[in-house]
Amino acid sequence: MTVAAESTSKLLDEPLRSSRNTWNNQVRRHAHMTPDHVAVKYLDTATTWRELNDRSRRFAAALQRHGVQFGDRILMALLNRTEYVEAVLGANLIGAIPVPVNIRMSPAEVGFLVQNSGATVLLTENLLVPLADAVRVSTGTIDTTIVVDAAADSVDHLDYEELLAQDPTDLVELDVPEDTVALIMYTSGTTGKPKGAMLTHANLQSQAMTTINASDGQPGDIASVVPPIFHIAGIAAFAPVFYRGIQAVIHPLGAFDPNEMLDTLEREGITSVFMVPAQWQAVCAAQRAKPRNLKLRAISWGAAPAPDTVLREMNELFPEALNMTAFGQTEMSPVTTLLEGQDAIRKIGSVGKVVPAVTARIVDPLMEDVKQGEVGEIVYRGPNLMKGYWQNPEATAEAFRGGWFHSGDLVRQDDEGFLYVVDRAKDMIISGGENIYCAEVENALYSHPAIAEAAIIGRADAKWGEVPIAVVVLAAGTESLTLDELGPHLAENLARFKHPKDLIVVDELPRNPGGKVVKPKLRAAYGSKDEGLVH
């Protein structure tokens, strides 16, 4: 079936538009209109729009002096910090393509990104120099390494601040069309080698407009950027900042402390923030224990299912804020659906309705539209859809077969147009000829008060072909849980063939930087019959 987009009456103000609607032009505009307004704050350092524009231009000039040309790729291995933003803008200014790196990757994994992207320049920081050096030695293709906060005795590296201190008047300004690739964002690779999604300036503009249209933005808004900037969620958090000209407060990466998060929200007067459900759960508990005087008007979540208890608590603790969840994927820049306001409670389990810019269908394996309420794969078209996978024409052709982008997500749509993700197409369990959608079983587990987090994986079985296995994190105050104790709850919510055949209790679920559970790790650890199980 064809999925209708949610209509919107919110229109963008004309001043947001320009002949080249890249975020570089937006930064230049804000540097001219509001030069002394703070653009980015990280820890105790505030950077104005004038400074951000100037420093990004200086970095662009430095890249040109070191031979970087239009279309060259620049690997960026950095923690969350202002220099990350400057460097992305500077690279884009001359048509170069930043390649953000998950800093938790091994040298071998980063080496694959170097070889696949063809990057010859690596930007990193002092803390990550050992990783950068290992990659530089193993690949032999990195010609230039630039280090933020370089150590005094650093060798074989260029100092970022020394580069920016040089005269930028030799910068050769280039025309960068909106269909130019702005970023190569590598997917998490949960099903194999990462693929580099080529996102254009037009893609990122569409993403920004989607967020702006969905939120009740006001002058003086301050956005908190909590996700890693190397992840698409971090990029999505920044895009509206560039187009609206508001302030962003970058949250440092590292162990998440909900009290520190709340203190920052209060101290900085932050009005909007995105976090994953596990972070919201911790923040809600901390806010209840020690209330802060917050100015939040928009609270959003995504990357993983949120238990209804967490959603209700978010609404109770932050009643003045618009509660919103976004769903999508890297290839879509990333947002394809939104669930807003009271619908977040009224339609618990839904990912909302398709955003206005996106056209979507729900199809069967033959690309025929399914009937309303039936499960099918959701496929997309739209201005936020990537250009393709970098240096991977086979994967691009497979993803775009039939003229639509195949998400790999199995969904159904109710009679009001709300979508529900049933599972990943490649993650479905077939047991005794019956399809078992992991997300459906996980949702049933989430509704049990003893379970805080849950993941379902398949295990090979001689009789049934495959059976579902539950891996769970217990809720605070729960010491143990058995399948027998779960039995009545499962019977109320699921057909018997969908019931997990084993239960494994763990301290935490492995997650990628976007907050999604990495199921291959669970399968490797618990997918064989000789594992110790909880019954």
Protein backbone atom coordinates (compact mmCIF):
# COMPACT_ATOMS: atom_id res chain seq x y z
CA MET A 1 0.00 0.00 0.00
CA THR A 2 1.09 3.59 -0.58
CA VAL A 3 1.74 5.43 2.66
CA ALA A 4 0.45 8.99 2.79
CA ALA A 5 2.68 11.56 4.40
CA GLU A 6 1.40 13.54 7.36
CA SER A 7 0.33 16.95 6.13
CA THR A 8 1.81 20.07 7.71
CA SER A 9 0.78 23.70 7.78
CA LYS A 10 4.12 24.91 9.10
CA LEU A 11 6.01 26.66 6.32
CA LEU A 12 9.60 27.78 6.34
CA ASP A 13 10.27 31.49 6.44
CA GLU A 14 11.63 32.71 3.13
CA PRO A 15 14.87 34.07 4.66
CA LEU A 16 15.97 30.48 5.28
CA ARG A 17 16.25 29.94 1.54
CA SER A 18 19.28 30.76 -0.60
CA SER A 19 20.54 30.01 -4.09
CA ARG A 20 22.86 27.37 -2.63
CA ASN A 21 21.09 25.98 0.40
CA THR A 22 24.17 24.30 1.85
CA TRP A 23 24.88 24.58 5.53
CA ASN A 24 28.06 26.53 4.71
CA ASN A 25 25.95 29.29 3.17
CA GLN A 26 23.70 29.26 6.21
CA VAL A 27 26.69 29.65 8.53
CA ARG A 28 27.97 32.52 6.36
CA ARG A 29 24.53 34.14 6.57
CA HIS A 30 24.40 33.91 10.37
CA ALA A 31 27.97 35.23 10.60
CA HIS A 32 26.74 38.30 8.69
CA MET A 33 23.36 38.75 10.40
CA THR A 34 24.15 37.76 14.01
CA PRO A 35 27.96 37.62 14.18
CA ASP A 36 28.27 37.80 17.96
CA HIS A 37 25.55 35.28 18.82
CA VAL A 38 26.87 32.00 20.17
CA ALA A 39 26.71 29.21 17.60
CA VAL A 40 28.35 26.34 19.48
CA LYS A 41 29.29 25.82 23.11
CA TYR A 42 31.46 22.94 24.28
CA LEU A 43 32.38 22.73 27.96
CA ASP A 44 33.39 26.31 28.88
CA THR A 45 34.21 27.49 25.36
CA ALA A 46 31.62 29.43 23.37
CA THR A 47 32.11 30.00 19.63
CA THR A 48 30.16 32.75 17.86
CA TRP A 49 28.82 32.53 14.32
CA ARG A 50 31.56 34.92 13.16
CA GLU A 51 34.23 32.73 14.76
CA LEU A 52 32.73 29.52 13.41
CA ASN A 53 32.65 30.92 9.90
CA ASP A 54 36.20 32.26 10.16
CA ARG A 55 37.70 29.09 11.63
CA SER A 56 35.99 26.83 9.10
CA ARG A 57 37.36 29.01 6.29
CA ARG A 58 40.84 28.83 7.79
CA PHE A 59 40.63 25.04 7.91
CA ALA A 60 39.46 24.97 4.29
CA ALA A 61 42.45 27.10 3.27
CA ALA A 62 44.80 24.79 5.19
CA LEU A 63 43.38 21.75 3.41
CA GLN A 64 43.91 23.39 0.03
CA ARG A 65 47.51 24.23 0.93
CA HIS A 66 48.07 20.53 1.62
CA GLY A 67 46.68 19.45 -1.72
CA VAL A 68 43.07 18.61 -0.87
CA GLN A 69 40.81 19.07 -3.87
CA PHE A 70 37.10 18.97 -4.67
CA GLY A 71 35.77 15.45 -3.98
CA ASP A 72 38.71 14.28 -1.85
CA ARG A 73 37.77 12.34 1.28
CA ILE A 74 38.91 13.31 4.78
CA LEU A 75 38.68 10.74 7.56
CA MET A 76 37.59 12.33 10.85
CA ALA A 77 38.23 10.42 14.07
CA LEU A 78 37.20 12.82 16.83
CA LEU A 79 35.20 12.90 20.01
CA ASN A 80 32.34 15.38 20.30
CA ARG A 81 33.89 18.86 20.23
CA THR A 82 33.60 22.19 18.42
CA GLU A 83 36.55 21.45 16.13
CA TYR A 84 34.54 18.59 14.63
CA VAL A 85 31.93 21.08 13.43
CA GLU A 86 34.56 23.50 12.13
CA ALA A 87 36.32 20.74 10.21
CA VAL A 88 33.16 19.40 8.55
CA LEU A 89 32.21 22.91 7.45
CA GLY A 90 35.74 23.66 6.27
CA ALA A 91 35.98 20.48 4.21
CA ASN A 92 32.55 21.08 2.65
CA LEU A 93 33.51 24.64 1.78
CA ILE A 94 35.96 23.33 -0.85
CA GLY A 95 33.85 20.35 -1.90
CA ALA A 96 35.86 17.81 0.09
CA ILE A 97 33.96 14.97 1.76
CA PRO A 98 34.24 14.27 5.51
CA VAL A 99 34.14 10.59 6.49
CA PRO A 100 33.17 10.41 10.19
CA VAL A 101 34.71 7.48 12.09
CA ASN A 102 33.23 5.62 15.02
CA ILE A 103 36.08 6.11 17.49
CA ARG A 104 35.25 2.79 19.17
CA MET A 105 36.33 0.89 16.04
CA SER A 106 39.48 -1.21 16.00
CA PRO A 107 42.44 -0.18 13.80
CA ALA A 108 41.47 -2.93 11.35
CA GLU A 109 37.90 -1.62 11.10
CA VAL A 110 39.08 1.96 10.58
CA GLY A 111 41.59 0.64 8.06
CA PHE A 112 38.70 -0.73 6.01
CA LEU A 113 37.10 2.73 5.98
CA VAL A 114 40.38 4.26 4.81
CA GLN A 115 40.76 1.76 2.00
CA ASN A 116 37.12 1.85 0.95
CA SER A 117 36.80 5.64 1.02
CA GLY A 118 40.24 6.33 -0.45
CA ALA A 119 40.88 8.99 2.18
CA THR A 120 44.42 10.37 2.27
CA VAL A 121 43.90 12.93 5.06
CA LEU A 122 43.12 11.96 8.66
CA LEU A 123 41.89 14.43 11.28
CA THR A 124 42.03 13.22 14.86
CA GLU A 125 42.82 14.40 18.39
CA ASN A 126 45.61 13.71 20.84
CA LEU A 127 43.66 11.08 22.76
CA LEU A 128 43.15 9.05 19.58
CA VAL A 129 46.63 9.42 18.07
CA PRO A 130 47.54 5.76 18.84
CA LEU A 131 44.52 4.63 16.79
CA ALA A 132 45.37 7.08 14.01
CA ASP A 133 49.02 6.01 13.90
CA ALA A 134 48.09 2.32 13.78
CA VAL A 135 45.76 3.00 10.85
CA ARG A 136 48.33 5.17 9.08
CA VAL A 137 50.98 2.46 9.34
CA SER A 138 48.68 -0.44 8.40
CA THR A 139 47.14 1.22 5.35
CA GLY A 140 50.10 3.20 4.08
CA THR A 141 47.75 5.55 2.23
CA ILE A 142 47.32 8.40 4.72
CA ASP A 143 49.52 11.26 3.51
CA THR A 144 48.48 13.90 6.04
CA THR A 145 47.51 13.54 9.69
CA ILE A 146 46.12 16.59 11.51
CA VAL A 147 45.79 16.50 15.29
CA VAL A 148 43.60 18.67 17.51
CA ASP A 149 45.30 19.38 20.87
CA ALA A 150 48.52 17.91 19.50
CA ALA A 151 51.18 17.05 22.07
CA ALA A 152 54.25 19.30 22.10
CA ASP A 153 56.50 16.42 21.02
CA SER A 154 54.14 15.24 18.29
CA VAL A 155 55.92 14.15 15.12
CA ASP A 156 54.54 13.15 11.74
CA HIS A 157 51.43 15.17 12.55
CA LEU A 158 50.21 18.66 11.72
CA ASP A 159 48.85 20.77 14.57
CA TYR A 160 45.26 21.87 13.95
CA GLU A 161 45.58 25.25 15.69
CA GLU A 162 48.85 26.04 13.92
CA LEU A 163 47.12 25.42 10.60
CA LEU A 164 44.26 27.73 11.54
CA ALA A 165 46.69 30.44 12.64
CA GLN A 166 47.97 30.82 9.08
CA ASP A 167 46.65 33.48 6.71
CA PRO A 168 43.48 32.17 4.99
CA THR A 169 43.46 34.75 2.19
CA ASP A 170 44.80 32.15 -0.25
CA LEU A 171 41.54 30.20 0.04
CA VAL A 172 40.14 29.50 -3.42
CA GLU A 173 36.35 29.68 -3.13
CA LEU A 174 34.56 26.93 -5.02
CA ASP A 175 30.97 26.57 -6.17
CA VAL A 176 29.52 23.60 -4.30
CA PRO A 177 26.18 22.50 -5.82
CA GLU A 178 23.50 21.09 -3.55
CA ASP A 179 23.82 17.64 -5.12
CA THR A 180 27.48 17.44 -4.06
CA VAL A 181 28.24 14.68 -1.55
CA ALA A 182 28.60 16.38 1.84
CA LEU A 183 29.31 13.32 3.98
CA ILE A 184 30.04 9.63 3.62
CA MET A 185 28.36 8.03 6.63
CA TYR A 186 29.27 4.38 7.09
CA THR A 187 26.49 2.17 8.33
CA SER A 188 27.04 0.21 11.51
CA GLY A 189 27.74 -2.97 9.61
CA THR A 190 25.53 -5.17 11.78
CA THR A 191 25.02 -7.48 8.80
CA GLY A 192 28.52 -7.36 7.30
CA LYS A 193 31.10 -4.83 6.15
CA PRO A 194 30.03 -1.20 6.61
CA LYS A 195 28.67 0.57 3.55
CA GLY A 196 29.31 4.25 2.96
CA ALA A 197 26.06 6.15 2.45
CA MET A 198 26.69 9.23 0.30
CA LEU A 199 24.62 12.08 1.73
CA THR A 200 24.39 15.28 -0.29
CA HIS A 201 23.86 18.86 0.84
CA ALA A 202 20.30 18.59 -0.49
CA ASN A 203 19.75 15.48 1.64
CA LEU A 204 20.92 17.28 4.78
CA GLN A 205 18.85 20.36 3.98
CA SER A 206 15.75 18.16 3.67
CA GLN A 207 16.54 16.57 7.03
CA ALA A 208 16.91 19.99 8.65
CA MET A 209 13.63 21.22 7.20
CA THR A 210 11.82 18.10 8.43
CA THR A 211 12.97 18.77 11.98
CA ILE A 212 12.25 22.49 11.79
CA ASN A 213 8.73 21.93 10.47
CA ALA A 214 7.96 19.37 13.17
CA SER A 215 9.06 21.54 16.10
CA ASP A 216 7.64 24.74 17.52
CA GLY A 217 10.88 26.67 17.19
CA GLN A 218 11.30 30.06 18.84
CA PRO A 219 14.05 32.69 18.84
CA GLY A 220 16.58 31.99 21.55
CA ASP A 221 16.18 28.22 21.42
CA ILE A 222 19.20 26.23 22.58
CA ALA A 223 19.68 22.67 21.34
CA SER A 224 21.69 20.01 23.12
CA VAL A 225 23.72 17.66 20.91
CA VAL A 226 24.06 14.44 22.90
CA PRO A 227 24.62 11.71 20.26
CA PRO A 228 28.11 11.20 18.82
CA ILE A 229 28.70 13.60 15.94
CA PHE A 230 30.24 10.68 14.06
CA HIS A 231 26.78 9.08 14.07
CA ILE A 232 23.90 10.15 11.84
CA ALA A 233 21.88 11.06 14.95
CA GLY A 234 24.52 13.64 15.86
CA ILE A 235 24.52 15.05 12.33
CA ALA A 236 20.72 15.21 12.40
CA ALA A 237 20.86 17.11 15.69
CA PHE A 238 23.20 19.72 14.19
CA ALA A 239 21.53 20.24 10.81
CA PRO A 240 18.62 22.38 12.13
CA VAL A 241 21.08 24.48 14.14
CA PHE A 242 22.84 25.59 10.96
CA TYR A 243 19.59 26.45 9.18
CA ARG A 244 17.89 28.19 12.11
CA GLY A 245 20.94 30.00 13.47
CA ILE A 246 20.34 28.93 17.06
CA GLN A 247 22.87 27.82 19.66
CA ALA A 248 24.02 24.22 20.09
CA VAL A 249 25.54 22.85 23.29
CA ILE A 250 27.72 19.82 22.56
CA HIS A 251 27.61 17.09 25.19
CA PRO A 252 30.96 15.32 25.74
CA LEU A 253 31.22 11.65 24.86
CA GLY A 254 31.99 9.14 27.59
CA ALA A 255 30.11 7.44 30.38
CA PHE A 256 26.61 8.92 30.52
CA ASP A 257 25.81 10.56 33.86
CA PRO A 258 22.13 11.53 34.11
CA ASN A 259 22.78 14.04 36.89
CA GLU A 260 25.47 15.78 34.84
CA MET A 261 23.07 15.81 31.91
CA LEU A 262 20.32 17.42 33.99
CA ASP A 263 22.74 19.96 35.46
CA THR A 264 23.81 20.94 31.94
CA LEU A 265 20.21 21.22 30.75
CA GLU A 266 19.43 23.53 33.67
CA ARG A 267 22.65 25.59 33.59
CA GLU A 268 22.58 26.23 29.83
CA GLY A 269 18.83 26.80 29.56
CA ILE A 270 18.53 24.11 26.90
CA THR A 271 15.14 23.93 25.18
CA SER A 272 15.47 20.76 23.08
CA VAL A 273 17.32 17.48 23.47
CA PHE A 274 17.44 14.04 21.81
CA MET A 275 18.49 10.95 23.76
CA VAL A 276 18.06 7.22 23.39
CA PRO A 277 15.45 5.54 25.65
CA ALA A 278 18.04 4.10 28.05
CA GLN A 279 19.37 7.62 28.65
CA TRP A 280 15.87 9.01 29.13
CA GLN A 281 15.13 6.27 31.63
CA ALA A 282 18.16 7.30 33.70
CA VAL A 283 17.43 11.02 33.33
CA CYS A 284 13.82 10.57 34.46
CA ALA A 285 14.93 8.68 37.56
CA ALA A 286 17.48 11.38 38.39
CA GLN A 287 14.98 14.20 37.80
CA ARG A 288 12.46 12.52 40.07
CA ALA A 289 15.10 12.11 42.79
CA LYS A 290 16.36 15.69 42.46
CA PRO A 291 14.13 17.99 40.39
CA ARG A 292 15.83 20.66 38.27
CA ASN A 293 14.27 23.83 36.90
CA LEU A 294 14.37 23.10 33.18
CA LYS A 295 13.27 25.03 30.10
CA LEU A 296 12.72 22.03 27.83
CA ARG A 297 10.09 22.54 25.12
CA ALA A 298 11.01 19.61 22.88
CA ILE A 299 12.17 16.19 24.03
CA SER A 300 12.85 13.46 21.51
CA TRP A 301 14.07 9.90 21.43
CA GLY A 302 14.86 7.16 18.97
CA ALA A 303 17.31 4.44 17.84
CA ALA A 304 15.60 1.86 20.07
CA PRO A 305 12.11 1.05 21.39
CA ALA A 306 11.01 2.99 24.46
CA PRO A 307 9.00 1.18 27.17
CA ASP A 308 5.63 2.82 27.76
CA THR A 309 6.61 3.39 31.40
CA VAL A 310 9.47 5.63 30.25
CA LEU A 311 7.25 7.55 27.81
CA ARG A 312 4.64 8.18 30.47
CA GLU A 313 7.30 9.35 32.92
CA MET A 314 8.79 11.70 30.31
CA ASN A 315 5.35 13.26 29.81
CA GLU A 316 4.77 13.49 33.55
CA LEU A 317 8.15 15.03 34.41
CA PHE A 318 8.34 17.37 31.41
CA PRO A 319 4.69 18.29 30.75
CA GLU A 320 5.47 21.51 28.87
CA ALA A 321 7.69 19.77 26.32
CA LEU A 322 6.63 18.27 22.99
CA ASN A 323 7.43 14.55 23.18
CA MET A 324 8.57 13.28 19.80
CA THR A 325 10.24 10.20 18.37
CA ALA A 326 11.98 9.93 15.03
CA PHE A 327 12.48 6.78 12.99
CA GLY A 328 14.63 6.21 9.94
CA GLN A 329 18.09 5.12 8.90
CA THR A 330 21.42 6.54 7.82
CA GLU A 331 20.57 6.23 4.13
CA MET A 332 17.57 8.54 4.64
CA SER A 333 19.58 11.29 6.38
CA PRO A 334 17.96 9.77 8.61
CA VAL A 335 14.33 10.66 9.46
CA THR A 336 11.42 9.07 7.60
CA THR A 337 8.65 9.08 10.23
CA LEU A 338 7.73 11.13 13.28
CA LEU A 339 5.45 10.47 16.25
CA GLU A 340 4.52 13.61 18.16
CA GLY A 341 2.75 14.84 21.25
CA GLN A 342 -0.01 12.77 22.81
CA ASP A 343 0.26 10.28 19.96
CA ALA A 344 3.49 9.11 21.61
CA ILE A 345 1.27 7.74 24.41
CA ARG A 346 -1.93 7.06 22.45
CA LYS A 347 -0.02 5.07 19.84
CA ILE A 348 2.64 3.41 21.98
CA GLY A 349 4.71 1.09 19.85
CA SER A 350 4.21 3.15 16.70
CA VAL A 351 6.97 5.09 14.94
CA GLY A 352 4.43 7.63 13.72
CA LYS A 353 3.55 8.82 10.24
CA VAL A 354 5.72 9.38 7.20
CA VAL A 355 7.16 12.92 7.10
CA PRO A 356 5.89 15.24 4.33
CA ALA A 357 9.07 15.14 2.24
CA VAL A 358 9.09 11.34 1.95
CA THR A 359 7.04 9.06 -0.29
CA ALA A 360 6.68 5.51 1.02
CA ARG A 361 5.05 2.20 0.12
CA ILE A 362 4.61 -1.05 2.03
CA VAL A 363 5.30 -3.94 -0.34
CA ASP A 364 5.64 -7.70 -0.55
CA PRO A 365 8.73 -9.45 -2.02
CA LEU A 366 7.27 -9.00 -5.53
CA MET A 367 6.98 -5.21 -5.01
CA GLU A 368 3.19 -5.41 -4.85
CA ASP A 369 1.48 -3.16 -2.31
CA VAL A 370 0.17 -5.07 0.70
CA LYS A 371 -3.26 -4.45 2.19
CA GLN A 372 -3.69 -2.14 5.16
CA GLY A 373 -2.74 -3.92 8.37
CA GLU A 374 -0.61 -6.51 6.61
CA VAL A 375 3.13 -6.74 7.12
CA GLY A 376 5.46 -5.71 4.30
CA GLU A 377 8.76 -3.98 3.68
CA ILE A 378 8.65 -0.19 3.66
CA VAL A 379 10.37 1.37 0.65
CA TYR A 380 11.13 5.05 0.12
CA ARG A 381 11.68 7.91 -2.28
CA GLY A 382 12.45 11.49 -1.30
CA PRO A 383 14.89 14.40 -1.25
CA ASN A 384 16.56 13.07 1.89
CA LEU A 385 17.45 9.75 0.23
CA MET A 386 21.18 9.15 -0.19
CA LYS A 387 22.90 9.26 -3.57
CA GLY A 388 24.04 5.64 -3.18
CA TYR A 389 26.75 3.59 -1.48
CA TRP A 390 30.31 4.75 -2.02
CA GLN A 391 32.28 2.48 -4.37
CA ASN A 392 29.61 -0.20 -4.07
CA PRO A 393 27.44 -0.29 -7.21
CA GLU A 394 26.18 -3.80 -6.42
CA ALA A 395 24.84 -2.82 -3.00
CA THR A 396 23.40 0.38 -4.48
CA ALA A 397 21.58 -1.52 -7.22
CA GLU A 398 20.23 -4.00 -4.69
CA ALA A 399 19.01 -1.25 -2.36
CA PHE A 400 17.34 0.72 -5.20
CA ARG A 401 15.77 -2.21 -7.04
CA GLY A 402 12.45 -1.39 -8.64
CA GLY A 403 13.17 2.33 -8.41
CA TRP A 404 12.58 2.49 -4.65
CA PHE A 405 15.00 2.39 -1.73
CA HIS A 406 14.52 -0.82 0.22
CA SER A 407 14.80 -0.10 3.93
CA GLY A 408 14.91 -3.70 5.13
CA ASP A 409 12.27 -2.78 7.74
CA LEU A 410 9.08 -4.81 7.98
CA VAL A 411 6.14 -2.64 9.00
CA ARG A 412 2.36 -2.50 9.15
CA GLN A 413 0.03 0.50 9.05
CA ASP A 414 -3.12 0.97 11.11
CA ASP A 415 -6.36 2.59 9.94
CA GLU A 416 -5.18 6.04 11.10
CA GLY A 417 -1.99 5.87 9.07
CA PHE A 418 0.38 5.16 11.95
CA LEU A 419 3.25 2.80 11.21
CA TYR A 420 4.53 -0.01 13.41
CA VAL A 421 7.91 -1.59 12.85
CA VAL A 422 7.49 -5.33 13.09
CA ASP A 423 11.12 -6.28 12.46
CA ARG A 424 14.11 -6.04 10.21
CA ALA A 425 13.51 -8.15 7.12
CA LYS A 426 16.87 -9.86 7.56
CA ASP A 427 16.31 -10.40 11.28
CA MET A 428 13.06 -12.33 11.14
CA ILE A 429 12.97 -15.81 12.72
CA ILE A 430 11.23 -18.62 10.83
CA SER A 431 10.25 -21.36 13.25
CA GLY A 432 8.35 -24.40 12.02
CA GLY A 433 7.24 -22.43 8.97
CA GLU A 434 5.88 -19.57 11.08
CA ASN A 435 7.32 -16.06 10.85
CA ILE A 436 8.34 -14.65 14.23
CA TYR A 437 9.02 -10.91 14.28
CA CYS A 438 11.59 -10.19 16.96
CA ALA A 439 10.29 -6.68 17.65
CA GLU A 440 6.83 -8.05 18.48
CA VAL A 441 8.27 -10.45 21.05
CA GLU A 442 10.56 -7.74 22.42
CA ASN A 443 7.61 -5.39 22.89
CA ALA A 444 5.80 -8.07 24.87
CA LEU A 445 8.86 -8.53 27.07
CA TYR A 446 9.23 -4.77 27.57
CA SER A 447 5.72 -4.62 28.99
CA HIS A 448 6.72 -6.97 31.85
CA PRO A 449 7.64 -4.97 34.98
CA ALA A 450 10.67 -7.14 35.76
CA ILE A 451 12.35 -6.40 32.40
CA ALA A 452 14.22 -3.17 31.61
CA GLU A 453 15.70 -4.15 28.24
CA ALA A 454 15.15 -7.07 25.89
CA ALA A 455 16.47 -8.53 22.67
CA ILE A 456 15.30 -11.59 20.75
CA ILE A 457 17.69 -13.70 18.69
CA GLY A 458 17.22 -16.92 16.75
CA ARG A 459 18.92 -20.23 17.52
CA ALA A 460 19.15 -23.16 15.12
CA ASP A 461 16.91 -26.04 16.18
CA ALA A 462 16.81 -29.56 14.74
CA LYS A 463 13.04 -29.80 15.03
CA TRP A 464 11.79 -26.29 14.28
CA GLY A 465 14.62 -24.94 12.15
CA GLU A 466 15.00 -21.95 14.44
CA VAL A 467 13.61 -20.91 17.81
CA PRO A 468 13.51 -17.52 19.58
CA ILE A 469 15.84 -16.84 22.52
CA ALA A 470 15.37 -13.89 24.91
CA VAL A 471 18.31 -11.89 26.25
CA VAL A 472 17.16 -9.43 28.92
CA VAL A 473 18.35 -6.86 31.43
CA LEU A 474 16.32 -6.94 34.63
CA ALA A 475 14.61 -3.86 36.01
CA ALA A 476 16.06 -2.20 39.11
CA GLY A 477 15.07 -4.11 42.22
CA THR A 478 14.48 -7.39 40.37
CA GLU A 479 16.93 -10.07 41.45
CA SER A 480 15.91 -12.93 39.18
CA LEU A 481 13.44 -14.02 36.53
CA THR A 482 12.62 -17.38 34.95
CA LEU A 483 10.75 -18.52 31.86
CA ASP A 484 8.14 -20.14 34.09
CA GLU A 485 7.52 -16.80 35.78
CA LEU A 486 7.23 -15.13 32.38
CA GLY A 487 4.82 -17.77 31.09
CA PRO A 488 1.48 -16.18 32.07
CA HIS A 489 2.55 -12.79 30.73
CA LEU A 490 3.68 -14.29 27.43
CA ALA A 491 0.46 -16.28 27.12
CA GLU A 492 -1.57 -13.06 27.42
CA ASN A 493 0.39 -11.28 24.73
CA LEU A 494 1.77 -13.79 22.22
CA ALA A 495 0.88 -16.94 20.35
CA ARG A 496 2.67 -19.89 21.89
CA PHE A 497 5.00 -20.47 18.93
CA LYS A 498 6.38 -16.96 19.49
CA HIS A 499 7.37 -17.62 23.10
CA PRO A 500 11.13 -17.55 23.81
CA LYS A 501 12.46 -21.04 24.40
CA ASP A 502 15.30 -19.84 26.62
CA LEU A 503 15.96 -16.80 28.78
CA ILE A 504 19.36 -15.25 29.34
CA VAL A 505 19.85 -12.49 31.92
CA VAL A 506 22.73 -10.06 31.31
CA ASP A 507 23.97 -6.85 32.92
CA GLU A 508 23.70 -4.89 29.67
CA LEU A 509 22.96 -5.35 25.98
CA PRO A 510 25.69 -4.55 23.45
CA ARG A 511 24.78 -1.44 21.49
CA ASN A 512 26.29 0.51 18.63
CA PRO A 513 26.87 4.29 18.99
CA GLY A 514 23.35 4.95 17.75
CA GLY A 515 21.89 2.97 20.65
CA LYS A 516 20.78 -0.02 18.58
CA VAL A 517 21.35 -3.51 19.95
CA VAL A 518 24.13 -5.33 18.07
CA LYS A 519 22.47 -8.70 17.64
CA PRO A 520 25.42 -10.44 15.92
CA LYS A 521 27.29 -10.11 19.22
CA LEU A 522 24.38 -11.69 21.08
CA ARG A 523 24.20 -14.52 18.57
CA ALA A 524 27.93 -15.12 18.88
CA ALA A 525 27.72 -15.18 22.67
CA TYR A 526 24.42 -16.96 23.25
CA GLY A 527 23.33 -18.48 19.97
CA SER A 528 24.48 -22.04 20.64
CA LYS A 529 22.78 -24.61 22.81
CA ASP A 530 25.66 -25.13 25.21
CA GLU A 531 25.34 -21.65 26.76
CA GLY A 532 24.39 -21.34 30.40
CA LEU A 533 20.73 -20.38 30.44
CA VAL A 534 18.26 -19.13 32.98
CA HIS A 535 15.11 -21.24 33.17
